[in-house]
Amino acid sequence: MDYDATTGQVYVPDIQHHLLDVLMPVIPNVTSPQHQPRRVIHLSGSPQSIAITSDGQLGFVAMNR
């Protein structure tokens, strides 16, 4: 798992379902919880890990065949 320091989004590999779950950061003093995951990225294989660049422009996903 990794996060985008610019947006605070957390990227979590879902090995079983071949997805990347994108979670939004918790916002202080907000009483209504946000729907999580905020979005999913469908992949053709099983993601093992992810790395997001420090500027949040690129993400690198290690896949299992």
PDB file of N, CA and C in Angstrom:
ATOM      1  N   MET A   1       0.848  -1.154   0.000  1.00  0.00           N
ATOM      2  CA  MET A   1       0.000   0.000   0.000  1.00  0.00           C
ATOM      3  C   MET A   1       0.900   1.224   0.000  1.00  0.00           C
ATOM      4  N   ASP A   2       0.395   2.298  -0.586  1.00  0.00           N
ATOM      5  CA  ASP A   2       1.124   3.560  -0.596  1.00  0.00           C
ATOM      6  C   ASP A   2       0.087   4.675  -0.634  1.00  0.00           C
ATOM      7  N   TYR A   3       0.555   5.901  -0.452  1.00  0.00           N
ATOM      8  CA  TYR A   3      -0.375   7.027  -0.489  1.00  0.00           C
ATOM      9  C   TYR A   3       0.194   8.169  -1.315  1.00  0.00           C
ATOM     10  N   ASP A   4      -0.710   9.007  -1.761  1.00  0.00           N
ATOM     11  CA  ASP A   4      -0.363  10.207  -2.520  1.00  0.00           C
ATOM     12  C   ASP A   4      -0.282  11.354  -1.520  1.00  0.00           C
ATOM     13  N   ALA A   5       0.904  11.876  -1.287  1.00  0.00           N
ATOM     14  CA  ALA A   5       1.102  12.936  -0.302  1.00  0.00           C
ATOM     15  C   ALA A   5       0.376  14.221  -0.684  1.00  0.00           C
ATOM     16  N   THR A   6       0.086  14.409  -1.954  1.00  0.00           N
ATOM     17  CA  THR A   6      -0.604  15.618  -2.407  1.00  0.00           C
ATOM     18  C   THR A   6      -2.090  15.580  -2.064  1.00  0.00           C
ATOM     19  N   THR A   7      -2.746  14.452  -2.340  1.00  0.00           N
ATOM     20  CA  THR A   7      -4.191  14.343  -2.123  1.00  0.00           C
ATOM     21  C   THR A   7      -4.559  13.603  -0.844  1.00  0.00           C
ATOM     22  N   GLY A   8      -3.620  12.829  -0.304  1.00  0.00           N
ATOM     23  CA  GLY A   8      -3.891  12.016   0.880  1.00  0.00           C
ATOM     24  C   GLY A   8      -4.553  10.691   0.561  1.00  0.00           C
ATOM     25  N   GLN A   9      -4.820  10.416  -0.711  1.00  0.00           N
ATOM     26  CA  GLN A   9      -5.453   9.153  -1.090  1.00  0.00           C
ATOM     27  C   GLN A   9      -4.506   7.986  -0.815  1.00  0.00           C
ATOM     28  N   VAL A  10      -5.088   6.884  -0.349  1.00  0.00           N
ATOM     29  CA  VAL A  10      -4.323   5.680  -0.052  1.00  0.00           C
ATOM     30  C   VAL A  10      -4.676   4.626  -1.098  1.00  0.00           C
ATOM     31  N   TYR A  11      -3.654   4.004  -1.668  1.00  0.00           N
ATOM     32  CA  TYR A  11      -3.835   2.980  -2.704  1.00  0.00           C
ATOM     33  C   TYR A  11      -3.511   1.622  -2.089  1.00  0.00           C
ATOM     34  N   VAL A  12      -4.500   0.721  -2.114  1.00  0.00           N
ATOM     35  CA  VAL A  12      -4.362  -0.589  -1.479  1.00  0.00           C
ATOM     36  C   VAL A  12      -4.577  -1.684  -2.519  1.00  0.00           C
ATOM     37  N   PRO A  13      -3.586  -2.560  -2.736  1.00  0.00           N
ATOM     38  CA  PRO A  13      -3.774  -3.675  -3.664  1.00  0.00           C
ATOM     39  C   PRO A  13      -4.781  -4.685  -3.108  1.00  0.00           C
ATOM     40  N   ASP A  14      -5.718  -5.101  -3.926  1.00  0.00           N
ATOM     41  CA  ASP A  14      -6.666  -6.167  -3.579  1.00  0.00           C
ATOM     42  C   ASP A  14      -6.290  -7.363  -4.444  1.00  0.00           C
ATOM     43  N   ILE A  15      -5.466  -8.224  -3.897  1.00  0.00           N
ATOM     44  CA  ILE A  15      -4.905  -9.356  -4.635  1.00  0.00           C
ATOM     45  C   ILE A  15      -5.992 -10.300  -5.123  1.00  0.00           C
ATOM     46  N   GLN A  16      -6.961 -10.583  -4.268  1.00  0.00           N
ATOM     47  CA  GLN A  16      -8.001 -11.559  -4.593  1.00  0.00           C
ATOM     48  C   GLN A  16      -8.902 -11.111  -5.742  1.00  0.00           C
ATOM     49  N   HIS A  17      -9.225  -9.823  -5.802  1.00  0.00           N
ATOM     50  CA  HIS A  17     -10.175  -9.334  -6.806  1.00  0.00           C
ATOM     51  C   HIS A  17      -9.521  -8.600  -7.974  1.00  0.00           C
ATOM     52  N   HIS A  18      -8.182  -8.575  -8.023  1.00  0.00           N
ATOM     53  CA  HIS A  18      -7.433  -7.922  -9.110  1.00  0.00           C
ATOM     54  C   HIS A  18      -7.795  -6.446  -9.242  1.00  0.00           C
ATOM     55  N   LEU A  19      -7.767  -5.737  -8.107  1.00  0.00           N
ATOM     56  CA  LEU A  19      -8.127  -4.332  -8.065  1.00  0.00           C
ATOM     57  C   LEU A  19      -7.116  -3.539  -7.249  1.00  0.00           C
ATOM     58  N   LEU A  20      -7.127  -2.240  -7.459  1.00  0.00           N
ATOM     59  CA  LEU A  20      -6.510  -1.307  -6.527  1.00  0.00           C
ATOM     60  C   LEU A  20      -7.652  -0.513  -5.911  1.00  0.00           C
ATOM     61  N   ASP A  21      -7.769  -0.540  -4.598  1.00  0.00           N
ATOM     62  CA  ASP A  21      -8.766   0.262  -3.899  1.00  0.00           C
ATOM     63  C   ASP A  21      -8.147   1.613  -3.590  1.00  0.00           C
ATOM     64  N   VAL A  22      -8.874   2.672  -3.874  1.00  0.00           N
ATOM     65  CA  VAL A  22      -8.405   4.020  -3.587  1.00  0.00           C
ATOM     66  C   VAL A  22      -9.263   4.560  -2.448  1.00  0.00           C
ATOM     67  N   LEU A  23      -8.619   4.803  -1.302  1.00  0.00           N
ATOM     68  CA  LEU A  23      -9.310   5.275  -0.110  1.00  0.00           C
ATOM     69  C   LEU A  23      -9.036   6.754   0.093  1.00  0.00           C
ATOM     70  N   MET A  24     -10.038   7.479   0.536  1.00  0.00           N
ATOM     71  CA  MET A  24      -9.885   8.901   0.829  1.00  0.00           C
ATOM     72  C   MET A  24      -9.451   9.067   2.283  1.00  0.00           C
ATOM     73  N   PRO A  25      -8.708  10.130   2.565  1.00  0.00           N
ATOM     74  CA  PRO A  25      -8.277  10.356   3.940  1.00  0.00           C
ATOM     75  C   PRO A  25      -9.459  10.720   4.843  1.00  0.00           C
ATOM     76  N   VAL A  26      -9.296  10.466   6.116  1.00  0.00           N
ATOM     77  CA  VAL A  26     -10.305  10.856   7.095  1.00  0.00           C
ATOM     78  C   VAL A  26     -10.219  12.364   7.289  1.00  0.00           C
ATOM     79  N   ILE A  27     -11.368  13.015   7.276  1.00  0.00           N
ATOM     80  CA  ILE A  27     -11.421  14.465   7.445  1.00  0.00           C
ATOM     81  C   ILE A  27     -11.869  14.763   8.876  1.00  0.00           C
ATOM     82  N   PRO A  28     -11.050  15.464   9.635  1.00  0.00           N
ATOM     83  CA  PRO A  28     -11.419  15.778  11.018  1.00  0.00           C
ATOM     84  C   PRO A  28     -12.716  16.587  11.092  1.00  0.00           C
ATOM     85  N   ASN A  29     -13.484  16.346  12.140  1.00  0.00           N
ATOM     86  CA  ASN A  29     -14.727  17.073  12.437  1.00  0.00           C
ATOM     87  C   ASN A  29     -15.835  16.852  11.423  1.00  0.00           C
ATOM     88  N   VAL A  30     -15.740  15.801  10.612  1.00  0.00           N
ATOM     89  CA  VAL A  30     -16.818  15.454   9.686  1.00  0.00           C
ATOM     90  C   VAL A  30     -17.567  14.273  10.297  1.00  0.00           C
ATOM     91  N   THR A  31     -18.861  14.460  10.536  1.00  0.00           N
ATOM     92  CA  THR A  31     -19.631  13.434  11.235  1.00  0.00           C
ATOM     93  C   THR A  31     -20.150  12.338  10.319  1.00  0.00           C
ATOM     94  N   SER A  32     -20.384  12.639   9.052  1.00  0.00           N
ATOM     95  CA  SER A  32     -20.885  11.599   8.150  1.00  0.00           C
ATOM     96  C   SER A  32     -19.700  10.917   7.460  1.00  0.00           C
ATOM     97  N   PRO A  33     -19.592   9.603   7.617  1.00  0.00           N
ATOM     98  CA  PRO A  33     -18.464   8.892   6.998  1.00  0.00           C
ATOM     99  C   PRO A  33     -18.597   8.868   5.478  1.00  0.00           C
ATOM    100  N   GLN A  34     -17.459   8.890   4.815  1.00  0.00           N
ATOM    101  CA  GLN A  34     -17.443   8.802   3.362  1.00  0.00           C
ATOM    102  C   GLN A  34     -17.529   7.348   2.935  1.00  0.00           C
ATOM    103  N   HIS A  35     -18.122   7.107   1.786  1.00  0.00           N
ATOM    104  CA  HIS A  35     -18.172   5.756   1.223  1.00  0.00           C
ATOM    105  C   HIS A  35     -16.756   5.352   0.811  1.00  0.00           C
ATOM    106  N   GLN A  36     -16.330   4.192   1.259  1.00  0.00           N
ATOM    107  CA  GLN A  36     -14.998   3.688   0.920  1.00  0.00           C
ATOM    108  C   GLN A  36     -15.133   2.319   0.257  1.00  0.00           C
ATOM    109  N   PRO A  37     -14.345   1.933  -0.690  1.00  0.00           N
ATOM    110  CA  PRO A  37     -13.325   2.763  -1.307  1.00  0.00           C
ATOM    111  C   PRO A  37     -13.957   3.849  -2.173  1.00  0.00           C
ATOM    112  N   ARG A  38     -13.231   4.934  -2.301  1.00  0.00           N
ATOM    113  CA  ARG A  38     -13.716   6.065  -3.092  1.00  0.00           C
ATOM    114  C   ARG A  38     -13.822   5.668  -4.565  1.00  0.00           C
ATOM    115  N   ARG A  39     -12.873   4.877  -5.010  1.00  0.00           N
ATOM    116  CA  ARG A  39     -12.915   4.325  -6.374  1.00  0.00           C
ATOM    117  C   ARG A  39     -12.043   3.080  -6.411  1.00  0.00           C
ATOM    118  N   VAL A  40     -12.199   2.305  -7.461  1.00  0.00           N
ATOM    119  CA  VAL A  40     -11.375   1.118  -7.668  1.00  0.00           C
ATOM    120  C   VAL A  40     -10.772   1.186  -9.064  1.00  0.00           C
ATOM    121  N   ILE A  41      -9.590   0.620  -9.185  1.00  0.00           N
ATOM    122  CA  ILE A  41      -8.923   0.537 -10.474  1.00  0.00           C
ATOM    123  C   ILE A  41      -8.829  -0.946 -10.825  1.00  0.00           C
ATOM    124  N   HIS A  42      -9.497  -1.341 -11.896  1.00  0.00           N
ATOM    125  CA  HIS A  42      -9.516  -2.742 -12.324  1.00  0.00           C
ATOM    126  C   HIS A  42      -8.217  -3.071 -13.058  1.00  0.00           C
ATOM    127  N   LEU A  43      -7.643  -4.230 -12.735  1.00  0.00           N
ATOM    128  CA  LEU A  43      -6.393  -4.673 -13.343  1.00  0.00           C
ATOM    129  C   LEU A  43      -6.580  -6.043 -13.981  1.00  0.00           C
ATOM    130  N   SER A  44      -5.712  -6.379 -14.907  1.00  0.00           N
ATOM    131  CA  SER A  44      -5.812  -7.664 -15.594  1.00  0.00           C
ATOM    132  C   SER A  44      -5.148  -8.795 -14.804  1.00  0.00           C
ATOM    133  N   GLY A  45      -4.391  -8.451 -13.791  1.00  0.00           N
ATOM    134  CA  GLY A  45      -3.718  -9.461 -12.976  1.00  0.00           C
ATOM    135  C   GLY A  45      -3.810  -9.102 -11.513  1.00  0.00           C
ATOM    136  N   SER A  46      -3.069  -9.831 -10.703  1.00  0.00           N
ATOM    137  CA  SER A  46      -3.112  -9.664  -9.259  1.00  0.00           C
ATOM    138  C   SER A  46      -2.027  -8.682  -8.794  1.00  0.00           C
ATOM    139  N   PRO A  47      -2.413  -7.510  -8.267  1.00  0.00           N
ATOM    140  CA  PRO A  47      -1.419  -6.541  -7.815  1.00  0.00           C
ATOM    141  C   PRO A  47      -0.781  -6.980  -6.495  1.00  0.00           C
ATOM    142  N   GLN A  48       0.538  -6.945  -6.435  1.00  0.00           N
ATOM    143  CA  GLN A  48       1.244  -7.350  -5.215  1.00  0.00           C
ATOM    144  C   GLN A  48       1.617  -6.148  -4.359  1.00  0.00           C
ATOM    145  N   SER A  49       1.992  -5.049  -4.999  1.00  0.00           N
ATOM    146  CA  SER A  49       2.347  -3.834  -4.271  1.00  0.00           C
ATOM    147  C   SER A  49       2.208  -2.638  -5.192  1.00  0.00           C
ATOM    148  N   ILE A  50       2.254  -1.455  -4.595  1.00  0.00           N
ATOM    149  CA  ILE A  50       2.147  -0.217  -5.369  1.00  0.00           C
ATOM    150  C   ILE A  50       3.073   0.821  -4.768  1.00  0.00           C
ATOM    151  N   ALA A  51       3.599   1.691  -5.622  1.00  0.00           N
ATOM    152  CA  ALA A  51       4.414   2.816  -5.189  1.00  0.00           C
ATOM    153  C   ALA A  51       3.935   4.050  -5.946  1.00  0.00           C
ATOM    154  N   ILE A  52       3.657   5.113  -5.215  1.00  0.00           N
ATOM    155  CA  ILE A  52       3.222   6.378  -5.796  1.00  0.00           C
ATOM    156  C   ILE A  52       4.391   7.357  -5.708  1.00  0.00           C
ATOM    157  N   THR A  53       4.672   8.082  -6.795  1.00  0.00           N
ATOM    158  CA  THR A  53       5.763   9.051  -6.764  1.00  0.00           C
ATOM    159  C   THR A  53       5.425  10.185  -5.790  1.00  0.00           C
ATOM    160  N   SER A  54       6.448  10.878  -5.313  1.00  0.00           N
ATOM    161  CA  SER A  54       6.256  11.915  -4.295  1.00  0.00           C
ATOM    162  C   SER A  54       5.372  13.061  -4.773  1.00  0.00           C
ATOM    163  N   ASP A  55       5.317  13.305  -6.074  1.00  0.00           N
ATOM    164  CA  ASP A  55       4.446  14.366  -6.595  1.00  0.00           C
ATOM    165  C   ASP A  55       3.052  13.851  -6.945  1.00  0.00           C
ATOM    166  N   GLY A  56       2.816  12.546  -6.789  1.00  0.00           N
ATOM    167  CA  GLY A  56       1.504  11.964  -7.051  1.00  0.00           C
ATOM    168  C   GLY A  56       1.169  11.799  -8.520  1.00  0.00           C
ATOM    169  N   GLN A  57       2.127  12.030  -9.412  1.00  0.00           N
ATOM    170  CA  GLN A  57       1.853  11.973 -10.843  1.00  0.00           C
ATOM    171  C   GLN A  57       1.854  10.560 -11.415  1.00  0.00           C
ATOM    172  N   LEU A  58       2.626   9.662 -10.803  1.00  0.00           N
ATOM    173  CA  LEU A  58       2.745   8.297 -11.316  1.00  0.00           C
ATOM    174  C   LEU A  58       2.569   7.275 -10.205  1.00  0.00           C
ATOM    175  N   GLY A  59       2.049   6.124 -10.595  1.00  0.00           N
ATOM    176  CA  GLY A  59       1.950   4.981  -9.694  1.00  0.00           C
ATOM    177  C   GLY A  59       2.517   3.767 -10.390  1.00  0.00           C
ATOM    178  N   PHE A  60       3.309   2.998  -9.678  1.00  0.00           N
ATOM    179  CA  PHE A  60       3.918   1.786 -10.217  1.00  0.00           C
ATOM    180  C   PHE A  60       3.334   0.596  -9.470  1.00  0.00           C
ATOM    181  N   VAL A  61       2.813  -0.369 -10.216  1.00  0.00           N
ATOM    182  CA  VAL A  61       2.174  -1.534  -9.610  1.00  0.00           C
ATOM    183  C   VAL A  61       2.979  -2.778  -9.968  1.00  0.00           C
ATOM    184  N   ALA A  62       3.370  -3.550  -8.955  1.00  0.00           N
ATOM    185  CA  ALA A  62       4.022  -4.838  -9.167  1.00  0.00           C
ATOM    186  C   ALA A  62       2.919  -5.889  -9.267  1.00  0.00           C
ATOM    187  N   MET A  63       2.924  -6.626 -10.379  1.00  0.00           N
ATOM    188  CA  MET A  63       1.879  -7.609 -10.638  1.00  0.00           C
ATOM    189  C   MET A  63       2.414  -9.029 -10.492  1.00  0.00           C
ATOM    190  N   ASN A  64       1.524  -9.942 -10.091  1.00  0.00           N
ATOM    191  CA  ASN A  64       1.831 -11.371 -10.046  1.00  0.00           C
ATOM    192  C   ASN A  64       1.199 -12.004 -11.263  1.00  0.00           C
ATOM    193  N   ARG A  65       1.931 -12.839 -11.926  1.00  0.00           N
ATOM    194  CA  ARG A  65       1.387 -13.487 -13.140  1.00  0.00           C
ATOM    195  C   ARG A  65       0.378 -14.523 -12.834  1.00  0.00           C
TER     196      ARG A  65
END
